[in-house]
Amino acid sequence: MKKILLATEKAFVKEAVDKIEAICKEANYELIKLENYKDPKDLIAAVPPVDAMIIRSDIVNKEVLDAAKNLKIVVRAGAGYDNIDIKYAAEKKIVVMNTPGQNANAVAELAFGMMLYAARTWFTPKSGTELRGKKLGIHAYGFVGRALAAIGKGFGMEMYAYDPFVDKSVIAKDGVIPVDTVESLYKTCQYVSLHIPATEKTKKSIGHALLSLMPKGATLVNTARKEVIDEEGLLKMFEERPDFRYLSDVEDTIKDHVLEKYKDRAFFTPKKMGAQTEEANINAGIAAARQIVAFFEKNDLTYKVN
């Protein structure tokens, strides 16, 4: 009998766990639950006998992978997978997958909610601005970008997108204007929402050079990763542009400094919460369990990332 470990420092909602368990039971797999654990050593102690693992933002590093003597597959219930040492997993012939698209609407709604919150001056009595007619740039047109485009269009915003990996006809078909360069996106849009992954090319790519191109009322929304931000350049924008705002759902290292000096122009969620909805929990959990079953029963590698 295959053993599947559900290792979630930040647990799924009960309905998601119940459905994961049902999928495993139907496949005649045993589900082992390690939920709301506090010490990484608990994860290391749990992995030796398991064949597969479902995680969220849990850290799967070399130490964890070395302890997992029978592990064949790790599925990250979500899109980002930089919490997994995918190179070392590949060396050990362990497949790593993600569940792209399952959290997309949750993240898009949070990004737009933060924009609305900022536009209405943090829901204070002060006069704010409207989003209708404003230009919203989507930096990377994947699942989240597409979901955000649908919301923005519903609010009457002018939608633009830059993604060199997506055909312009696909973007245009959604009623979104594709732009040729990343500079064009930032030069055109008062609001820019980041949805790029953290790679060697994108790390620290969003800095002063790009942000300074933005028109008056510039607002950057980051629900992606902290690594893509050049924090020195971000601070320079705050200093030079009294109109600049930054809205973040990532673990920014400059959070305390920004809130101390520019709290009227910045917002940070208390913790990363883009995927924190019951629906996203359920969707991602079910997808992860089904991908594991398909991997073992059909050798399905559709969402393999390493």
Protein backbone atom coordinates (compact mmCIF):
# COMPACT_ATOMS: atom_id res chain seq x y z
CA MET A 1 0.00 0.00 0.00
CA LYS A 2 1.37 3.42 -1.01
CA LYS A 3 1.87 5.85 1.88
CA ILE A 4 1.04 9.52 1.20
CA LEU A 5 2.17 12.19 3.65
CA LEU A 6 0.08 15.35 3.95
CA ALA A 7 2.63 17.70 5.53
CA THR A 8 1.17 21.15 6.13
CA GLU A 9 2.62 23.55 8.68
CA LYS A 10 -0.34 25.74 7.71
CA ALA A 11 -3.13 23.17 7.46
CA PHE A 12 -5.74 22.83 4.74
CA VAL A 13 -9.37 23.44 5.63
CA LYS A 14 -11.19 20.29 6.82
CA GLU A 15 -13.16 19.85 3.60
CA ALA A 16 -9.92 19.76 1.60
CA VAL A 17 -8.38 17.16 3.94
CA ASP A 18 -11.53 15.03 3.78
CA LYS A 19 -11.48 15.07 -0.02
CA ILE A 20 -7.75 14.28 -0.17
CA GLU A 21 -8.38 11.38 2.17
CA ALA A 22 -11.27 10.13 0.01
CA ILE A 23 -9.09 10.18 -3.14
CA CYS A 24 -6.35 8.23 -1.35
CA LYS A 25 -8.82 5.71 0.05
CA GLU A 26 -10.34 5.11 -3.39
CA ALA A 27 -6.84 4.40 -4.75
CA ASN A 28 -6.11 2.13 -1.78
CA TYR A 29 -3.40 4.46 -0.52
CA GLU A 30 -2.74 5.27 3.14
CA LEU A 31 -2.86 8.98 4.05
CA ILE A 32 -0.58 10.07 6.89
CA LYS A 33 -1.35 13.54 8.26
CA LEU A 34 1.20 15.92 9.73
CA GLU A 35 -0.78 19.13 10.20
CA ASN A 36 0.06 22.37 12.01
CA TYR A 37 3.51 21.12 13.02
CA LYS A 38 5.87 23.66 14.58
CA ASP A 39 9.33 22.11 14.27
CA PRO A 40 10.98 21.19 10.92
CA LYS A 41 12.33 18.11 12.71
CA ASP A 42 8.76 16.79 12.83
CA LEU A 43 8.71 16.73 9.04
CA ILE A 44 12.10 15.01 8.87
CA ALA A 45 10.85 12.38 11.31
CA ALA A 46 7.69 11.74 9.27
CA VAL A 47 9.17 11.30 5.77
CA PRO A 48 11.24 8.07 5.90
CA PRO A 49 8.42 5.57 5.12
CA VAL A 50 6.34 7.60 2.64
CA ASP A 51 6.08 7.18 -1.13
CA ALA A 52 4.60 10.62 -1.84
CA MET A 53 4.13 13.94 -0.14
CA ILE A 54 1.64 16.80 -0.45
CA ILE A 55 2.88 20.14 0.91
CA ARG A 56 1.98 23.83 0.82
CA SER A 57 4.67 26.37 1.74
CA ASP A 58 6.56 23.76 3.73
CA ILE A 59 10.34 23.63 3.21
CA VAL A 60 11.54 20.50 1.45
CA ASN A 61 15.31 20.86 1.50
CA LYS A 62 18.27 18.48 1.20
CA GLU A 63 17.86 17.28 4.78
CA VAL A 64 14.22 16.36 4.23
CA LEU A 65 14.93 14.67 0.90
CA ASP A 66 17.80 12.66 2.38
CA ALA A 67 15.53 11.42 5.16
CA ALA A 68 12.83 10.36 2.68
CA LYS A 69 14.10 6.88 1.83
CA ASN A 70 11.07 5.78 -0.25
CA LEU A 71 9.91 9.10 -1.66
CA LYS A 72 9.02 9.14 -5.36
CA ILE A 73 7.03 12.38 -5.72
CA VAL A 74 6.39 15.70 -3.96
CA VAL A 75 3.42 17.83 -4.99
CA ARG A 76 3.29 21.46 -3.97
CA ALA A 77 -0.39 22.38 -3.61
CA GLY A 78 -0.03 25.77 -5.28
CA ALA A 79 1.87 27.41 -8.11
CA GLY A 80 5.21 28.49 -6.63
CA TYR A 81 7.70 25.77 -5.71
CA ASP A 82 10.83 27.65 -4.61
CA ASN A 83 10.35 26.10 -1.15
CA ILE A 84 11.54 22.79 -2.66
CA ASP A 85 15.13 21.95 -3.61
CA ILE A 86 14.09 20.76 -7.07
CA LYS A 87 17.63 20.27 -8.33
CA TYR A 88 18.54 17.92 -5.49
CA ALA A 89 15.18 16.16 -5.83
CA ALA A 90 16.01 15.49 -9.48
CA GLU A 91 19.41 14.08 -8.47
CA LYS A 92 17.58 11.66 -6.19
CA LYS A 93 15.09 10.86 -8.98
CA ILE A 94 12.21 12.35 -7.01
CA VAL A 95 9.56 14.01 -9.16
CA VAL A 96 8.37 17.47 -8.09
CA MET A 97 5.03 18.86 -9.28
CA ASN A 98 2.92 21.93 -8.61
CA THR A 99 -0.81 22.53 -9.12
CA PRO A 100 -0.92 25.58 -11.43
CA GLY A 101 -4.13 27.55 -11.64
CA GLN A 102 -5.83 26.16 -8.56
CA ASN A 103 -5.11 29.26 -6.44
CA ALA A 104 -5.36 31.76 -9.30
CA ASN A 105 -8.70 33.36 -8.51
CA ALA A 106 -7.88 33.70 -4.81
CA VAL A 107 -4.63 35.53 -5.57
CA ALA A 108 -6.26 37.72 -8.22
CA GLU A 109 -9.06 38.75 -5.87
CA LEU A 110 -6.55 39.67 -3.16
CA ALA A 111 -4.47 41.73 -5.60
CA PHE A 112 -7.53 43.62 -6.76
CA GLY A 113 -8.83 44.01 -3.21
CA MET A 114 -5.57 45.67 -2.16
CA MET A 115 -5.77 48.01 -5.16
CA LEU A 116 -9.28 49.03 -4.21
CA TYR A 117 -8.23 49.51 -0.58
CA ALA A 118 -5.38 51.83 -1.64
CA ALA A 119 -7.48 53.75 -4.17
CA ARG A 120 -10.01 54.57 -1.45
CA THR A 121 -7.24 55.75 0.90
CA TRP A 122 -7.33 52.70 3.17
CA PHE A 123 -11.09 53.10 3.72
CA THR A 124 -10.62 56.33 5.65
CA PRO A 125 -12.81 59.45 5.20
CA LYS A 126 -10.14 61.01 2.98
CA SER A 127 -10.99 61.54 -0.67
CA GLY A 128 -9.77 58.68 -2.86
CA THR A 129 -9.77 57.83 -6.54
CA GLU A 130 -11.74 55.44 -8.75
CA LEU A 131 -10.31 52.47 -10.59
CA ARG A 132 -12.63 52.81 -13.59
CA GLY A 133 -10.71 54.22 -16.53
CA LYS A 134 -7.31 53.64 -14.93
CA LYS A 135 -4.69 51.52 -16.69
CA LEU A 136 -3.76 48.21 -15.04
CA GLY A 137 -0.64 46.39 -16.24
CA ILE A 138 -0.28 42.67 -15.68
CA HIS A 139 3.36 41.59 -15.53
CA ALA A 140 3.18 37.90 -16.57
CA TYR A 141 -0.03 36.62 -18.11
CA GLY A 142 -0.46 33.21 -16.50
CA PHE A 143 -3.43 31.82 -14.58
CA VAL A 144 -3.43 34.63 -11.98
CA GLY A 145 -2.89 37.33 -14.60
CA ARG A 146 -5.87 36.10 -16.60
CA ALA A 147 -8.09 35.98 -13.54
CA LEU A 148 -7.02 39.52 -12.62
CA ALA A 149 -7.73 40.74 -16.15
CA ALA A 150 -11.32 39.51 -15.89
CA ILE A 151 -11.83 41.41 -12.62
CA GLY A 152 -10.18 44.58 -13.92
CA LYS A 153 -12.32 44.60 -17.05
CA GLY A 154 -15.41 44.22 -14.88
CA PHE A 155 -14.39 47.40 -13.07
CA GLY A 156 -13.93 49.25 -16.35
CA MET A 157 -10.14 49.46 -16.21
CA GLU A 158 -7.94 49.52 -19.30
CA MET A 159 -6.01 46.28 -19.25
CA TYR A 160 -2.44 45.78 -20.51
CA ALA A 161 -0.13 42.77 -20.23
CA TYR A 162 3.48 41.85 -20.83
CA ASP A 163 4.56 38.24 -21.11
CA PRO A 164 7.20 37.17 -23.64
CA PHE A 165 6.15 33.53 -23.21
CA VAL A 166 2.49 34.05 -24.14
CA ASP A 167 1.40 34.71 -27.72
CA LYS A 168 0.00 38.23 -28.11
CA SER A 169 -3.09 36.84 -29.83
CA VAL A 170 -3.96 34.93 -26.65
CA ILE A 171 -3.73 38.12 -24.59
CA ALA A 172 -5.66 40.19 -27.12
CA LYS A 173 -8.41 37.56 -27.30
CA ASP A 174 -9.17 38.30 -23.63
CA GLY A 175 -9.66 41.98 -24.39
CA VAL A 176 -6.26 42.86 -22.92
CA ILE A 177 -3.73 44.98 -24.81
CA PRO A 178 -0.37 43.19 -25.21
CA VAL A 179 2.76 45.35 -25.05
CA ASP A 180 6.12 44.62 -26.67
CA THR A 181 8.42 45.44 -23.77
CA VAL A 182 8.32 45.44 -20.00
CA GLU A 183 9.29 49.13 -20.10
CA SER A 184 6.17 49.90 -22.13
CA LEU A 185 4.00 48.24 -19.50
CA TYR A 186 5.40 50.32 -16.67
CA LYS A 187 5.44 53.53 -18.70
CA THR A 188 1.76 53.11 -19.61
CA CYS A 189 0.07 51.91 -16.42
CA GLN A 190 -0.74 53.61 -13.13
CA TYR A 191 -1.21 50.17 -11.57
CA VAL A 192 1.10 47.21 -12.20
CA SER A 193 0.47 43.78 -10.70
CA LEU A 194 3.39 41.34 -10.47
CA HIS A 195 2.89 37.65 -11.27
CA ILE A 196 6.41 36.63 -12.30
CA PRO A 197 8.26 33.69 -10.71
CA ALA A 198 11.55 34.10 -8.86
CA THR A 199 14.21 32.92 -11.31
CA GLU A 200 17.82 33.88 -11.95
CA LYS A 201 16.59 36.33 -14.60
CA THR A 202 13.76 37.87 -12.58
CA LYS A 203 15.38 38.23 -9.16
CA LYS A 204 15.76 41.93 -8.28
CA SER A 205 14.46 42.82 -11.75
CA ILE A 206 11.76 45.16 -10.42
CA GLY A 207 13.67 48.21 -9.28
CA HIS A 208 14.06 51.94 -9.69
CA ALA A 209 14.74 51.87 -13.44
CA LEU A 210 11.37 50.28 -14.19
CA LEU A 211 9.30 51.84 -11.41
CA SER A 212 10.44 55.38 -12.21
CA LEU A 213 8.83 55.02 -15.64
CA MET A 214 5.36 54.76 -14.11
CA PRO A 215 2.96 57.70 -14.48
CA LYS A 216 1.58 59.81 -11.64
CA GLY A 217 -0.35 57.79 -9.09
CA ALA A 218 1.97 54.79 -9.54
CA THR A 219 0.97 51.69 -7.56
CA LEU A 220 2.89 48.41 -7.58
CA VAL A 221 1.09 45.28 -6.38
CA ASN A 222 3.22 42.27 -5.41
CA THR A 223 1.55 38.92 -4.80
CA ALA A 224 4.48 37.09 -6.43
CA ARG A 225 7.79 36.73 -4.56
CA LYS A 226 9.99 39.08 -2.51
CA GLU A 227 13.06 38.03 -4.51
CA VAL A 228 11.85 39.78 -7.68
CA ILE A 229 11.98 43.18 -5.96
CA ASP A 230 15.14 45.27 -5.83
CA GLU A 231 14.38 46.62 -2.37
CA GLU A 232 17.00 49.39 -2.60
CA GLY A 233 15.32 50.64 -5.77
CA LEU A 234 11.91 50.36 -4.14
CA LEU A 235 13.04 52.54 -1.23
CA LYS A 236 14.45 55.07 -3.70
CA MET A 237 11.02 55.28 -5.34
CA PHE A 238 9.38 56.00 -1.99
CA GLU A 239 11.90 58.78 -1.39
CA GLU A 240 11.62 60.38 -4.84
CA ARG A 241 7.95 59.90 -5.65
CA PRO A 242 5.40 61.04 -3.01
CA ASP A 243 2.69 59.58 -5.27
CA PHE A 244 4.16 56.05 -5.28
CA ARG A 245 2.40 53.23 -3.42
CA TYR A 246 3.38 49.62 -2.79
CA LEU A 247 0.93 46.85 -1.90
CA SER A 248 2.41 43.53 -0.88
CA ASP A 249 1.47 39.97 0.01
CA VAL A 250 5.06 38.72 0.28
CA GLU A 251 7.62 38.45 3.08
CA ASP A 252 9.36 41.78 2.42
CA THR A 253 12.52 42.34 4.48
CA ILE A 254 12.01 46.11 4.36
CA LYS A 255 8.42 45.96 5.62
CA ASP A 256 9.08 47.54 9.03
CA HIS A 257 11.21 50.32 7.56
CA VAL A 258 8.62 51.17 4.90
CA LEU A 259 5.75 51.21 7.39
CA GLU A 260 7.74 53.43 9.74
CA LYS A 261 8.50 56.05 7.07
CA TYR A 262 5.78 55.64 4.43
CA LYS A 263 2.83 53.94 6.14
CA ASP A 264 0.34 56.16 4.30
CA ARG A 265 1.63 54.82 0.96
CA ALA A 266 2.13 51.13 1.66
CA PHE A 267 0.16 48.08 2.69
CA PHE A 268 1.43 44.63 3.70
CA THR A 269 -0.75 41.66 4.54
CA PRO A 270 0.04 40.24 8.02
CA LYS A 271 1.28 37.03 6.37
CA LYS A 272 1.22 35.65 2.83
CA MET A 273 -2.45 35.03 2.22
CA GLY A 274 -3.00 35.08 -1.55
CA ALA A 275 -4.10 31.45 -1.62
CA GLN A 276 -5.84 31.56 1.75
CA THR A 277 -9.43 30.89 0.72
CA GLU A 278 -11.46 27.75 1.36
CA GLU A 279 -12.01 27.33 -2.36
CA ALA A 280 -8.30 27.55 -3.21
CA ASN A 281 -7.48 25.18 -0.34
CA ILE A 282 -9.90 22.60 -1.65
CA ASN A 283 -8.98 22.99 -5.32
CA ALA A 284 -5.23 22.74 -4.75
CA GLY A 285 -5.49 19.86 -2.30
CA ILE A 286 -7.72 17.80 -4.59
CA ALA A 287 -5.47 18.51 -7.58
CA ALA A 288 -2.37 17.42 -5.63
CA ALA A 289 -3.95 14.14 -4.53
CA ARG A 290 -5.22 13.35 -8.02
CA GLN A 291 -1.81 14.10 -9.55
CA ILE A 292 -0.17 11.64 -7.16
CA VAL A 293 -2.64 8.91 -8.07
CA ALA A 294 -2.19 9.62 -11.79
CA PHE A 295 1.60 9.52 -11.36
CA PHE A 296 1.61 6.10 -9.70
CA GLU A 297 -1.17 4.53 -11.75
CA LYS A 298 -0.50 6.04 -15.20
CA ASN A 299 3.03 7.49 -14.93
CA ASP A 300 1.45 10.90 -15.64
CA LEU A 301 4.12 13.62 -15.49
CA THR A 302 1.98 16.51 -16.76
CA TYR A 303 2.86 19.00 -14.00
CA LYS A 304 6.46 17.91 -13.39
CA VAL A 305 8.72 20.93 -12.75
CA ASN A 306 12.14 19.30 -12.31
